[in-house]
Protein backbone atom coordinates (compact mmCIF):
# COMPACT_ATOMS: atom_id res chain seq x y z
CA UNK A 1 -31.97 -31.57 -33.27
CA UNK A 2 -28.70 -33.22 -34.26
CA UNK A 3 -29.81 -36.40 -32.53
CA UNK A 4 -33.06 -36.35 -34.44
CA UNK A 5 -32.08 -35.28 -37.96
CA UNK A 6 -29.76 -37.50 -39.94
CA UNK A 7 -27.74 -36.34 -42.88
CA UNK A 8 -29.33 -36.97 -46.25
CA UNK A 9 -27.84 -39.77 -48.27
CA UNK A 10 -27.90 -39.30 -52.03
CA UNK A 11 -27.48 -42.94 -52.86
CA UNK A 12 -30.74 -44.84 -52.75
CA UNK A 13 -30.20 -48.24 -51.23
CA UNK A 14 -32.52 -51.19 -51.65
CA UNK A 15 -31.12 -52.59 -48.44
CA UNK A 16 -31.72 -56.34 -48.38
CA UNK A 17 -29.49 -57.95 -45.80
CA UNK A 18 -29.90 -61.68 -46.14
CA UNK A 19 -32.51 -64.33 -46.72
CA UNK A 20 -33.11 -67.59 -44.96
CA UNK A 21 -35.82 -69.92 -43.73
CA UNK A 22 -36.96 -70.01 -40.15
CA UNK A 23 -38.89 -72.74 -38.38
CA UNK A 24 -42.63 -72.31 -38.23
CA UNK A 25 -42.64 -71.49 -34.52
CA UNK A 26 -40.30 -68.53 -35.05
CA UNK A 27 -41.80 -67.24 -38.27
CA UNK A 28 -45.30 -67.58 -36.87
CA UNK A 29 -46.62 -69.50 -39.87
CA UNK A 30 -48.24 -72.87 -40.41
CA UNK A 31 -45.23 -74.04 -42.38
CA UNK A 32 -41.65 -72.96 -43.04
CA UNK A 33 -41.53 -69.38 -44.29
CA UNK A 34 -38.94 -67.38 -46.14
CA UNK A 35 -37.81 -64.59 -43.83
CA UNK A 36 -35.70 -61.68 -44.91
CA UNK A 37 -33.82 -59.05 -42.98
CA UNK A 38 -33.87 -55.61 -44.55
CA UNK A 39 -30.55 -53.82 -44.19
CA UNK A 40 -29.43 -54.61 -40.62
CA UNK A 41 -32.91 -55.03 -39.17
CA UNK A 42 -33.30 -51.34 -38.31
CA UNK A 43 -31.87 -48.99 -35.71
CA UNK A 44 -34.54 -49.60 -33.06
CA UNK A 45 -34.20 -51.77 -29.96
CA UNK A 46 -35.86 -54.76 -31.67
CA UNK A 47 -34.17 -56.05 -34.82
CA UNK A 48 -36.89 -56.55 -37.41
CA UNK A 49 -37.71 -59.27 -39.92
CA UNK A 50 -39.85 -59.23 -43.06
CA UNK A 51 -41.99 -62.17 -44.16
CA UNK A 52 -45.37 -63.25 -45.46
CA UNK A 53 -47.46 -65.40 -43.14
CA UNK A 54 -49.21 -68.37 -44.72
CA UNK A 55 -52.49 -67.11 -43.24
CA UNK A 56 -52.09 -63.72 -44.96
CA UNK A 57 -50.35 -64.32 -48.27
CA UNK A 58 -51.73 -61.05 -49.62
CA UNK A 59 -49.57 -58.95 -47.28
CA UNK A 60 -46.02 -58.49 -46.03
CA UNK A 61 -45.30 -58.41 -42.30
CA UNK A 62 -42.53 -56.49 -40.56
CA UNK A 63 -42.02 -57.11 -36.85
CA UNK A 64 -39.34 -57.64 -34.21
CA UNK A 65 -37.68 -61.00 -34.71
CA UNK A 66 -37.44 -61.67 -30.97
CA UNK A 67 -40.90 -61.45 -29.43
CA UNK A 68 -39.83 -62.34 -25.89
CA UNK A 69 -40.05 -58.70 -24.79
CA UNK A 70 -43.73 -58.48 -25.72
CA UNK A 71 -46.68 -59.64 -23.68
CA UNK A 72 -49.20 -58.26 -21.23
CA UNK A 73 -47.03 -55.33 -20.12
CA UNK A 74 -45.52 -54.37 -23.48
CA UNK A 75 -47.49 -54.98 -26.64
CA UNK A 76 -47.03 -54.41 -30.35
CA UNK A 77 -49.23 -51.67 -31.79
CA UNK A 78 -50.60 -52.29 -35.28
CA UNK A 79 -49.65 -50.27 -38.37
CA UNK A 80 -51.38 -51.08 -41.67
CA UNK A 81 -49.52 -49.68 -44.71
CA UNK A 82 -50.63 -48.84 -48.27
CA UNK A 83 -48.10 -48.45 -51.09
CA UNK A 84 -47.47 -45.74 -53.64
CA UNK A 85 -49.04 -46.08 -57.11
CA UNK A 86 -51.69 -48.40 -55.60
CA UNK A 87 -49.00 -51.08 -55.93
CA UNK A 88 -49.70 -54.55 -54.60
CA UNK A 89 -46.14 -54.76 -53.27
CA UNK A 90 -44.22 -52.75 -50.64
CA UNK A 91 -40.90 -53.06 -52.50
CA UNK A 92 -40.32 -49.29 -52.57
CA UNK A 93 -40.84 -48.90 -48.85
CA UNK A 94 -39.13 -51.87 -47.20
CA UNK A 95 -36.27 -49.84 -45.64
CA UNK A 96 -38.82 -47.46 -44.12
CA UNK A 97 -41.17 -50.20 -42.90
CA UNK A 98 -38.42 -52.35 -41.41
CA UNK A 99 -37.05 -49.35 -39.55
CA UNK A 100 -40.45 -48.54 -38.05
CA UNK A 101 -40.98 -52.17 -37.00
CA UNK A 102 -37.60 -52.24 -35.24
CA UNK A 103 -38.98 -49.76 -32.71
CA UNK A 104 -41.53 -52.27 -31.49
CA UNK A 105 -44.41 -52.24 -33.97
CA UNK A 106 -46.28 -54.83 -35.99
CA UNK A 107 -46.33 -53.38 -39.51
CA UNK A 108 -48.52 -55.07 -42.11
CA UNK A 109 -48.06 -53.80 -45.66
CA UNK A 110 -50.33 -54.46 -48.60
CA UNK A 111 -48.90 -56.97 -51.09
CA UNK A 112 -46.93 -60.22 -50.94
CA UNK A 113 -43.33 -59.98 -49.81
CA UNK A 114 -41.21 -58.65 -52.69
CA UNK A 115 -38.63 -61.08 -53.96
CA UNK A 116 -35.06 -59.87 -53.96
CA UNK A 117 -34.43 -57.80 -57.07
CA UNK A 118 -38.10 -57.83 -58.10
CA UNK A 119 -40.61 -55.04 -57.81
CA UNK A 120 -43.82 -57.02 -57.73
CA UNK A 121 -46.97 -55.87 -59.48
CA UNK A 122 -50.72 -55.56 -59.59
CA UNK A 123 -53.04 -53.03 -58.01
CA UNK A 124 -54.19 -52.87 -54.42
CA UNK A 125 -57.39 -51.69 -52.76
CA UNK A 126 -58.18 -49.81 -49.57
CA UNK A 127 -59.97 -52.86 -48.19
CA UNK A 128 -56.59 -54.58 -47.85
CA UNK A 129 -55.76 -52.17 -45.02
CA UNK A 130 -58.85 -53.41 -43.21
CA UNK A 131 -57.77 -56.99 -43.97
CA UNK A 132 -54.45 -56.25 -42.26
CA UNK A 133 -56.17 -54.93 -39.14
CA UNK A 134 -58.59 -57.86 -39.01
CA UNK A 135 -55.70 -60.33 -39.36
CA UNK A 136 -53.67 -58.73 -36.58
CA UNK A 137 -56.61 -58.80 -34.18
CA UNK A 138 -57.25 -62.45 -35.02
CA UNK A 139 -53.58 -63.30 -34.45
CA UNK A 140 -53.69 -61.70 -31.02
CA UNK A 141 -56.59 -63.97 -30.12
CA UNK A 142 -55.09 -67.15 -31.62
CA UNK A 143 -53.74 -69.18 -28.70
CA UNK A 144 -51.74 -71.38 -31.07
CA UNK A 145 -49.96 -68.46 -32.74
CA UNK A 146 -46.66 -66.78 -31.92
CA UNK A 147 -48.36 -63.38 -31.71
CA UNK A 148 -50.98 -64.51 -29.20
CA UNK A 149 -51.60 -61.84 -26.54
CA UNK A 150 -48.65 -59.75 -27.76
CA UNK A 151 -50.53 -57.18 -29.89
CA UNK A 152 -52.13 -53.98 -28.67
CA UNK A 153 -55.45 -54.10 -30.52
CA UNK A 154 -56.44 -50.76 -28.98
CA UNK A 155 -53.61 -48.92 -30.78
CA UNK A 156 -54.00 -49.08 -34.56
CA UNK A 157 -52.59 -46.83 -37.25
CA UNK A 158 -53.37 -46.67 -40.94
CA UNK A 159 -50.68 -45.16 -43.11
CA UNK A 160 -49.52 -45.06 -46.69
CA UNK A 161 -47.76 -43.16 -49.44
CA UNK A 162 -49.32 -41.41 -52.48
CA UNK A 163 -52.19 -43.70 -53.57
CA UNK A 164 -51.59 -45.52 -50.29
CA UNK A 165 -52.18 -42.20 -48.55
CA UNK A 166 -55.59 -41.98 -50.20
CA UNK A 167 -56.26 -45.57 -49.11
CA UNK A 168 -55.27 -44.43 -45.63
CA UNK A 169 -57.74 -41.57 -45.72
CA UNK A 170 -60.47 -43.86 -47.04
CA UNK A 171 -60.05 -46.34 -44.19
CA UNK A 172 -59.19 -43.89 -41.37
CA UNK A 173 -62.87 -43.48 -40.36
CA UNK A 174 -62.86 -47.11 -39.14
CA UNK A 175 -63.66 -46.74 -35.41
CA UNK A 176 -60.79 -49.07 -34.47
CA UNK A 177 -58.19 -46.70 -35.95
CA UNK A 178 -56.43 -44.46 -33.43
CA UNK A 179 -54.17 -42.43 -35.74
CA UNK A 180 -53.52 -41.86 -39.44
CA UNK A 181 -50.26 -40.97 -41.22
CA UNK A 182 -50.68 -39.69 -44.78
CA UNK A 183 -47.45 -39.57 -46.77
CA UNK A 184 -46.94 -37.63 -50.03
CA UNK A 185 -50.67 -37.55 -50.56
CA UNK A 186 -53.91 -35.64 -50.24
CA UNK A 187 -57.41 -35.81 -51.60
CA UNK A 188 -57.43 -34.67 -55.22
CA UNK A 189 -60.93 -33.24 -54.97
CA UNK A 190 -61.82 -34.34 -58.47
CA UNK A 191 -62.95 -37.98 -58.27
CA UNK A 192 -61.45 -39.88 -61.16
CA UNK A 193 -58.84 -37.20 -61.71
CA UNK A 194 -55.95 -39.33 -60.51
CA UNK A 195 -54.43 -42.52 -61.82
CA UNK A 196 -56.70 -45.54 -62.36
CA UNK A 197 -57.45 -47.38 -59.14
CA UNK A 198 -57.07 -44.42 -56.82
CA UNK A 199 -59.85 -44.01 -54.24
CA UNK A 200 -62.29 -41.45 -55.60
CA UNK A 201 -62.57 -39.35 -52.46
CA UNK A 202 -63.97 -35.85 -52.22
CA UNK A 203 -62.88 -33.23 -49.72
CA UNK A 204 -66.06 -33.86 -47.74
CA UNK A 205 -64.50 -37.16 -46.67
CA UNK A 206 -62.10 -35.28 -44.39
CA UNK A 207 -64.96 -34.63 -41.98
CA UNK A 208 -65.03 -38.38 -41.27
CA UNK A 209 -61.55 -38.36 -39.73
CA UNK A 210 -61.74 -38.94 -35.99
CA UNK A 211 -58.11 -39.34 -34.91
CA UNK A 212 -54.90 -37.31 -34.74
CA UNK A 213 -53.51 -37.17 -38.26
CA UNK A 214 -50.00 -36.55 -39.61
CA UNK A 215 -49.22 -35.44 -43.16
CA UNK A 216 -45.66 -35.93 -44.42
CA UNK A 217 -45.08 -34.12 -47.71
CA UNK A 218 -42.11 -33.56 -50.01
CA UNK A 219 -42.36 -29.80 -50.30
CA UNK A 220 -43.57 -27.80 -53.27
CA UNK A 221 -41.85 -30.19 -55.69
CA UNK A 222 -44.13 -32.98 -54.45
CA UNK A 223 -47.01 -33.50 -56.91
CA UNK A 224 -49.21 -34.14 -53.87
CA UNK A 225 -48.15 -30.93 -52.09
CA UNK A 226 -51.16 -28.79 -53.01
CA UNK A 227 -53.63 -31.58 -52.29
CA UNK A 228 -52.03 -32.42 -48.95
CA UNK A 229 -51.79 -28.80 -47.81
CA UNK A 230 -55.39 -28.22 -48.85
CA UNK A 231 -56.40 -31.20 -46.72
CA UNK A 232 -54.49 -29.74 -43.79
CA UNK A 233 -56.12 -26.35 -44.21
CA UNK A 234 -59.58 -27.91 -44.28
CA UNK A 235 -59.14 -30.16 -41.21
CA UNK A 236 -60.20 -28.29 -38.09
CA UNK A 237 -61.98 -30.89 -35.96
CA UNK A 238 -59.10 -33.25 -35.04
CA UNK A 239 -55.42 -32.72 -34.16
CA UNK A 240 -53.44 -32.46 -37.38
CA UNK A 241 -49.76 -31.86 -38.13
CA UNK A 242 -48.08 -31.34 -41.49
CA UNK A 243 -44.35 -31.58 -42.11
CA UNK A 244 -42.69 -30.74 -45.41
CA UNK A 245 -39.19 -31.71 -46.49
CA UNK A 246 -37.95 -30.49 -49.86
CA UNK A 247 -37.38 -33.91 -51.47
CA UNK A 248 -40.29 -34.18 -53.90
CA UNK A 249 -42.86 -36.93 -54.25
CA UNK A 250 -40.46 -39.84 -53.70
CA UNK A 251 -39.75 -39.02 -50.07
CA UNK A 252 -36.80 -40.76 -48.39
CA UNK A 253 -38.22 -44.29 -48.08
CA UNK A 254 -35.43 -45.97 -50.05
CA UNK A 255 -32.62 -44.27 -48.16
CA UNK A 256 -30.82 -46.23 -45.41
CA UNK A 257 -33.32 -46.95 -42.63
CA UNK A 258 -35.95 -44.97 -44.52
CA UNK A 259 -34.23 -41.62 -44.07
CA UNK A 260 -35.87 -38.58 -42.50
CA UNK A 261 -39.41 -39.69 -43.26
CA UNK A 262 -38.87 -42.78 -41.11
CA UNK A 263 -37.50 -40.70 -38.23
CA UNK A 264 -40.53 -38.43 -38.15
CA UNK A 265 -43.12 -41.13 -38.79
CA UNK A 266 -41.62 -43.38 -36.11
CA UNK A 267 -41.70 -40.55 -33.58
CA UNK A 268 -45.38 -39.97 -34.38
CA UNK A 269 -46.17 -43.67 -34.04
CA UNK A 270 -44.30 -43.83 -30.72
CA UNK A 271 -46.22 -40.85 -29.43
CA UNK A 272 -49.66 -41.85 -30.65
CA UNK A 273 -49.45 -45.62 -30.22
CA UNK A 274 -47.06 -45.99 -27.27
CA UNK A 275 -47.72 -42.73 -25.38
CA UNK A 276 -44.03 -41.83 -25.69
CA UNK A 277 -44.01 -38.19 -24.61
CA UNK A 278 -40.35 -37.71 -25.49
CA UNK A 279 -41.11 -38.69 -29.07
CA UNK A 280 -44.17 -36.46 -28.89
CA UNK A 281 -41.96 -33.44 -28.23
CA UNK A 282 -41.23 -33.38 -31.96
CA UNK A 283 -44.83 -32.29 -32.48
CA UNK A 284 -45.86 -30.51 -29.28
CA UNK A 285 -44.84 -27.22 -27.72
CA UNK A 286 -44.41 -23.78 -29.21
CA UNK A 287 -42.14 -24.15 -30.97
CA UNK A 288 -42.19 -27.92 -31.38
CA UNK A 289 -38.80 -29.57 -31.83
CA UNK A 290 -39.38 -30.55 -35.45
CA UNK A 291 -40.02 -26.91 -36.34
CA UNK A 292 -36.47 -26.15 -35.22
CA UNK A 293 -35.04 -28.41 -37.90
CA UNK A 294 -33.34 -26.75 -40.84
CA UNK A 295 -34.83 -29.25 -43.31
CA UNK A 296 -38.46 -29.55 -42.17
CA UNK A 297 -41.21 -26.96 -42.35
CA UNK A 298 -44.14 -27.61 -40.05
CA UNK A 299 -47.66 -26.45 -39.22
CA UNK A 300 -50.14 -27.85 -36.72
CA UNK A 301 -53.69 -27.45 -35.42
CA UNK A 302 -55.41 -28.60 -32.23
CA UNK A 303 -52.11 -29.75 -30.72
CA UNK A 304 -50.46 -28.41 -27.57
C-alpha cells in the first residue's frame, strides 16, 4: 500500500503553477485562450492544463496538454464535475481535478475558470453536468476541433463534492453515464433541508442509479457521513463502494495533487473508464487493497 497511499500534508496548497496564453490550435478554442497549469500539471503520464473554451465559457476544462497520444486506439474518457456548496467555480478543487486529468481524462468542471487568487461565485445547477457531457460529445464530432475523434463518448463519469455530489446523483440516471463518484455527499432525505440551491432529492431517487457508484466520505466528522452511509446501505441493485478517510467534510482536494481523495478517485476512474484492472485491485478482491490501508475504511456491495 505504500505505493498507493501518500503521506498527508497539513499545509493546504492552492497550487497554481503559471499562466500564459496558447495559440488557438493548442488551446482548442476559436481564439487565444488563457491557459493555466495547476501545480506541476499532475503526477500522471500526461501533464495537464486548465482553461475555459470559448464554446463553453460556463465551464472549466482540465485535460492533457499534449493530445498526440490520443486518437482511435487511446481516447479520453469524460468526467463531468460539480463543485461543493453548489458553487459556480471549481476553485476549491483544481489540484484534484488537474491531477485526475493528468492520467488521461477530459475533466469538465462546472463554472468559469477561477482567476488566480479569486474564488469565483454564483450558484450552479445539475443541468450544467449534462451541458458538459453534451459539449464533450460535440467536440469529439467536430472535425475542425483539436479534440476531434480523441474522446471516448462511451465512457462518461459524473462526479462532484457535497452539493456537487447531489448534482451527481441527480444526473447519474442519464443513460450515457457509465459510472458515478459521489464525494462528501449523500441524499439528505428531507427535500429542502439543505442549503438553498441543493437538489431536492429523496431516497427513492437511488433506485434510478444504473452504474457502478463510488462514495468517498470524510469519516464521522464529515457532515455528509450519515447521509452518504445511508445511501450506501440502501443501494443494493448496482455495484457500490464506500471509502471513508477521517478528514471531515473538506476532503483532501486542496492538498498537493489532490491528496488521498485524488488517488482513490483516479484509480476508480481508471478502472471504470479505462478498464485498468490493476487500478481496479483497489476495489476488488477479499480483501481489496484499499481495505488494507491504515487510513481508509471501506465497504462494498455487488463487487468481486
